[in-house]
Amino acid sequence: MKNSPNSASGSVSLSERLCRGDLFASPCPSRMVLKHVCSQWGLLILIALQGKKVMRFAELRKKLGGVSEKMLAQSLQALASDGFLLRKSYPVVPPHVEYSLTEMGEEIADRVAQLTDWIECNLPRVLEAQLSIQETADK
């Protein structure tokens, strides 16, 4: 990103910082997107849909194991509003709704998959660290 003339002096306006996504500023809109993507269910939805054509609500709920209908619906709505999911509703009874990743959704799913891959590959180390901390606290 190009520096504005003000950035060299350190006085960048709030609107300039918000435009480029100053994640550390409390009103930054990037924070809400980050919250949607990095929430437990948002992250799992993105991974579940990665590389798939479409999935129905019930398929996603079954795949995600443990998510309530309400939480799944809210998470799907948030990801769709951010432009990561395409929601296609068919006018039939009972309702038939399909979800798929948009191009932008595929991009972000690739990135969160890298994070989850790292966690899965390093889980023994993480569990060992947790156990070590717990043992130290118990002494």
C-alpha atoms as a PDB file:
ATOM      1  CA  MET A   1       0.000   0.000   0.000  1.00  0.00           C
ATOM      2  CA  LYS A   2       1.292   3.455  -0.810  1.00  0.00           C
ATOM      3  CA  ASN A   3       2.211   5.785   2.021  1.00  0.00           C
ATOM      4  CA  SER A   4       0.312   9.013   2.196  1.00  0.00           C
ATOM      5  CA  PRO A   5       2.241  12.242   2.635  1.00  0.00           C
ATOM      6  CA  ASN A   6       1.119  12.317   6.269  1.00  0.00           C
ATOM      7  CA  SER A   7       2.359   8.811   7.063  1.00  0.00           C
ATOM      8  CA  ALA A   8       6.019   9.839   7.083  1.00  0.00           C
ATOM      9  CA  SER A   9       5.331  12.269   9.896  1.00  0.00           C
ATOM     10  CA  GLY A  10       3.252   9.698  11.773  1.00  0.00           C
ATOM     11  CA  SER A  11       0.026  11.713  11.618  1.00  0.00           C
ATOM     12  CA  VAL A  12      -2.325   9.571   9.570  1.00  0.00           C
ATOM     13  CA  SER A  13      -6.007  10.419   9.742  1.00  0.00           C
ATOM     14  CA  LEU A  14      -8.451   7.896  11.159  1.00  0.00           C
ATOM     15  CA  SER A  15     -10.253   7.613   7.819  1.00  0.00           C
ATOM     16  CA  GLU A  16      -6.939   6.797   6.075  1.00  0.00           C
ATOM     17  CA  ARG A  17      -6.139   4.143   8.683  1.00  0.00           C
ATOM     18  CA  LEU A  18      -9.635   2.661   8.393  1.00  0.00           C
ATOM     19  CA  CYS A  19      -9.386   2.520   4.597  1.00  0.00           C
ATOM     20  CA  ARG A  20      -6.213   0.480   4.725  1.00  0.00           C
ATOM     21  CA  GLY A  21      -7.418  -1.665   7.626  1.00  0.00           C
ATOM     22  CA  ASP A  22      -5.746  -0.563  10.855  1.00  0.00           C
ATOM     23  CA  LEU A  23      -6.613  -3.690  12.821  1.00  0.00           C
ATOM     24  CA  PHE A  24      -5.369  -2.213  16.085  1.00  0.00           C
ATOM     25  CA  ALA A  25      -7.780   0.737  15.943  1.00  0.00           C
ATOM     26  CA  SER A  26     -10.958  -0.138  17.835  1.00  0.00           C
ATOM     27  CA  PRO A  27     -13.395   1.102  15.138  1.00  0.00           C
ATOM     28  CA  CYS A  28     -11.579  -0.791  12.351  1.00  0.00           C
ATOM     29  CA  PRO A  29     -14.068  -2.730  10.175  1.00  0.00           C
ATOM     30  CA  SER A  30     -11.419  -5.422   9.662  1.00  0.00           C
ATOM     31  CA  ARG A  31     -12.053  -6.570  13.213  1.00  0.00           C
ATOM     32  CA  MET A  32     -15.601  -7.676  12.430  1.00  0.00           C
ATOM     33  CA  VAL A  33     -14.455  -9.619   9.368  1.00  0.00           C
ATOM     34  CA  LEU A  34     -11.703 -11.207  11.450  1.00  0.00           C
ATOM     35  CA  LYS A  35     -14.292 -12.128  14.085  1.00  0.00           C
ATOM     36  CA  HIS A  36     -16.478 -13.833  11.466  1.00  0.00           C
ATOM     37  CA  VAL A  37     -13.626 -15.722   9.814  1.00  0.00           C
ATOM     38  CA  CYS A  38     -11.787 -16.716  12.986  1.00  0.00           C
ATOM     39  CA  SER A  39     -14.774 -17.703  15.080  1.00  0.00           C
ATOM     40  CA  GLN A  40     -14.928 -21.419  15.793  1.00  0.00           C
ATOM     41  CA  TRP A  41     -17.899 -21.984  13.495  1.00  0.00           C
ATOM     42  CA  GLY A  42     -16.854 -19.508  10.803  1.00  0.00           C
ATOM     43  CA  LEU A  43     -13.491 -21.194  10.447  1.00  0.00           C
ATOM     44  CA  LEU A  44     -15.033 -24.674  10.337  1.00  0.00           C
ATOM     45  CA  ILE A  45     -17.651 -23.586   7.772  1.00  0.00           C
ATOM     46  CA  LEU A  46     -14.938 -22.240   5.475  1.00  0.00           C
ATOM     47  CA  ILE A  47     -12.945 -25.456   5.740  1.00  0.00           C
ATOM     48  CA  ALA A  48     -16.044 -27.642   5.272  1.00  0.00           C
ATOM     49  CA  LEU A  49     -16.938 -25.804   2.059  1.00  0.00           C
ATOM     50  CA  GLN A  50     -13.383 -25.626   0.739  1.00  0.00           C
ATOM     51  CA  GLY A  51     -13.125 -27.473  -2.566  1.00  0.00           C
ATOM     52  CA  LYS A  52     -16.827 -28.409  -2.539  1.00  0.00           C
ATOM     53  CA  LYS A  53     -19.387 -27.240  -5.062  1.00  0.00           C
ATOM     54  CA  VAL A  54     -22.282 -26.757  -2.637  1.00  0.00           C
ATOM     55  CA  MET A  55     -23.536 -27.965   0.727  1.00  0.00           C
ATOM     56  CA  ARG A  56     -26.974 -27.745   2.241  1.00  0.00           C
ATOM     57  CA  PHE A  57     -27.639 -26.418   5.735  1.00  0.00           C
ATOM     58  CA  ALA A  58     -28.305 -29.875   7.186  1.00  0.00           C
ATOM     59  CA  GLU A  59     -25.100 -31.252   5.611  1.00  0.00           C
ATOM     60  CA  LEU A  60     -23.079 -28.439   7.150  1.00  0.00           C
ATOM     61  CA  ARG A  61     -24.704 -28.908  10.550  1.00  0.00           C
ATOM     62  CA  LYS A  62     -23.925 -32.629  10.498  1.00  0.00           C
ATOM     63  CA  LYS A  63     -20.353 -32.033   9.311  1.00  0.00           C
ATOM     64  CA  LEU A  64     -19.666 -29.408  11.982  1.00  0.00           C
ATOM     65  CA  GLY A  65     -20.851 -31.594  14.868  1.00  0.00           C
ATOM     66  CA  GLY A  66     -22.098 -29.710  17.911  1.00  0.00           C
ATOM     67  CA  VAL A  67     -23.198 -26.459  16.293  1.00  0.00           C
ATOM     68  CA  SER A  68     -26.747 -25.294  17.043  1.00  0.00           C
ATOM     69  CA  GLU A  69     -29.068 -24.336  14.201  1.00  0.00           C
ATOM     70  CA  LYS A  70     -29.097 -20.748  15.450  1.00  0.00           C
ATOM     71  CA  MET A  71     -25.308 -20.448  15.624  1.00  0.00           C
ATOM     72  CA  LEU A  72     -24.859 -22.069  12.220  1.00  0.00           C
ATOM     73  CA  ALA A  73     -27.437 -19.740  10.667  1.00  0.00           C
ATOM     74  CA  GLN A  74     -25.778 -16.673  12.236  1.00  0.00           C
ATOM     75  CA  SER A  75     -22.308 -17.768  11.133  1.00  0.00           C
ATOM     76  CA  LEU A  76     -23.472 -18.489   7.581  1.00  0.00           C
ATOM     77  CA  GLN A  77     -25.207 -15.120   7.424  1.00  0.00           C
ATOM     78  CA  ALA A  78     -22.092 -13.293   8.663  1.00  0.00           C
ATOM     79  CA  LEU A  79     -19.798 -15.027   6.152  1.00  0.00           C
ATOM     80  CA  ALA A  80     -22.292 -14.376   3.344  1.00  0.00           C
ATOM     81  CA  SER A  81     -22.546 -10.690   4.287  1.00  0.00           C
ATOM     82  CA  ASP A  82     -18.745 -10.432   4.093  1.00  0.00           C
ATOM     83  CA  GLY A  83     -18.834 -11.856   0.562  1.00  0.00           C
ATOM     84  CA  PHE A  84     -17.266 -15.229   1.397  1.00  0.00           C
ATOM     85  CA  LEU A  85     -20.365 -17.383   0.830  1.00  0.00           C
ATOM     86  CA  LEU A  86     -23.028 -17.609  -1.817  1.00  0.00           C
ATOM     87  CA  ARG A  87     -26.460 -18.569  -0.470  1.00  0.00           C
ATOM     88  CA  LYS A  88     -28.885 -19.995  -2.996  1.00  0.00           C
ATOM     89  CA  SER A  89     -32.470 -20.544  -1.877  1.00  0.00           C
ATOM     90  CA  TYR A  90     -34.974 -22.600  -3.840  1.00  0.00           C
ATOM     91  CA  PRO A  91     -38.699 -21.762  -3.519  1.00  0.00           C
ATOM     92  CA  VAL A  92     -39.842 -25.223  -2.442  1.00  0.00           C
ATOM     93  CA  VAL A  93     -41.398 -26.759   0.669  1.00  0.00           C
ATOM     94  CA  PRO A  94     -39.530 -27.633   2.785  1.00  0.00           C
ATOM     95  CA  PRO A  95     -36.985 -24.874   2.109  1.00  0.00           C
ATOM     96  CA  HIS A  96     -33.918 -25.930   0.137  1.00  0.00           C
ATOM     97  CA  VAL A  97     -30.895 -23.695   0.658  1.00  0.00           C
ATOM     98  CA  GLU A  98     -27.400 -24.338  -0.653  1.00  0.00           C
ATOM     99  CA  TYR A  99     -24.146 -22.678   0.343  1.00  0.00           C
ATOM    100  CA  SER A 100     -20.913 -22.411  -1.594  1.00  0.00           C
ATOM    101  CA  LEU A 101     -17.746 -20.377  -1.371  1.00  0.00           C
ATOM    102  CA  THR A 102     -17.271 -17.352  -3.551  1.00  0.00           C
ATOM    103  CA  GLU A 103     -13.891 -16.711  -5.161  1.00  0.00           C
ATOM    104  CA  MET A 104     -12.998 -14.553  -2.172  1.00  0.00           C
ATOM    105  CA  GLY A 105     -14.286 -17.308   0.124  1.00  0.00           C
ATOM    106  CA  GLU A 106     -11.955 -19.820  -1.514  1.00  0.00           C
ATOM    107  CA  GLU A 107      -9.045 -17.439  -0.949  1.00  0.00           C
ATOM    108  CA  ILE A 108      -9.760 -17.006   2.763  1.00  0.00           C
ATOM    109  CA  ALA A 109     -10.524 -20.731   3.173  1.00  0.00           C
ATOM    110  CA  ASP A 110      -7.063 -21.530   1.792  1.00  0.00           C
ATOM    111  CA  ARG A 111      -5.514 -19.273   4.405  1.00  0.00           C
ATOM    112  CA  VAL A 112      -7.470 -20.598   7.384  1.00  0.00           C
ATOM    113  CA  ALA A 113      -6.728 -24.136   6.202  1.00  0.00           C
ATOM    114  CA  GLN A 114      -3.018 -23.358   6.565  1.00  0.00           C
ATOM    115  CA  LEU A 115      -3.664 -22.285  10.151  1.00  0.00           C
ATOM    116  CA  THR A 116      -5.705 -25.363  11.002  1.00  0.00           C
ATOM    117  CA  ASP A 117      -3.138 -27.616   9.312  1.00  0.00           C
ATOM    118  CA  TRP A 118      -0.436 -26.105  11.504  1.00  0.00           C
ATOM    119  CA  ILE A 119      -2.568 -26.639  14.616  1.00  0.00           C
ATOM    120  CA  GLU A 120      -3.310 -30.266  13.715  1.00  0.00           C
ATOM    121  CA  CYS A 121       0.337 -31.033  12.903  1.00  0.00           C
ATOM    122  CA  ASN A 122       1.587 -29.389  16.079  1.00  0.00           C
ATOM    123  CA  LEU A 123      -1.179 -30.506  18.430  1.00  0.00           C
ATOM    124  CA  PRO A 124       1.106 -32.883  20.385  1.00  0.00           C
ATOM    125  CA  ARG A 125       3.463 -29.969  21.122  1.00  0.00           C
ATOM    126  CA  VAL A 126       0.565 -27.729  22.145  1.00  0.00           C
ATOM    127  CA  LEU A 127      -0.913 -30.400  24.421  1.00  0.00           C
ATOM    128  CA  GLU A 128       2.513 -30.998  25.957  1.00  0.00           C
ATOM    129  CA  ALA A 129       2.881 -27.262  26.658  1.00  0.00           C
ATOM    130  CA  GLN A 130      -0.605 -27.151  28.207  1.00  0.00           C
ATOM    131  CA  LEU A 131       0.200 -30.137  30.423  1.00  0.00           C
ATOM    132  CA  SER A 132       3.509 -28.582  31.474  1.00  0.00           C
ATOM    133  CA  ILE A 133       1.802 -25.323  32.443  1.00  0.00           C
ATOM    134  CA  GLN A 134      -0.919 -27.207  34.342  1.00  0.00           C
ATOM    135  CA  GLU A 135       1.663 -29.299  36.234  1.00  0.00           C
ATOM    136  CA  THR A 136       3.573 -26.154  37.167  1.00  0.00           C
ATOM    137  CA  ALA A 137       0.368 -24.498  38.384  1.00  0.00           C
ATOM    138  CA  ASP A 138      -0.539 -27.550  40.473  1.00  0.00           C
ATOM    139  CA  LYS A 139       2.788 -27.449  42.361  1.00  0.00           C
END
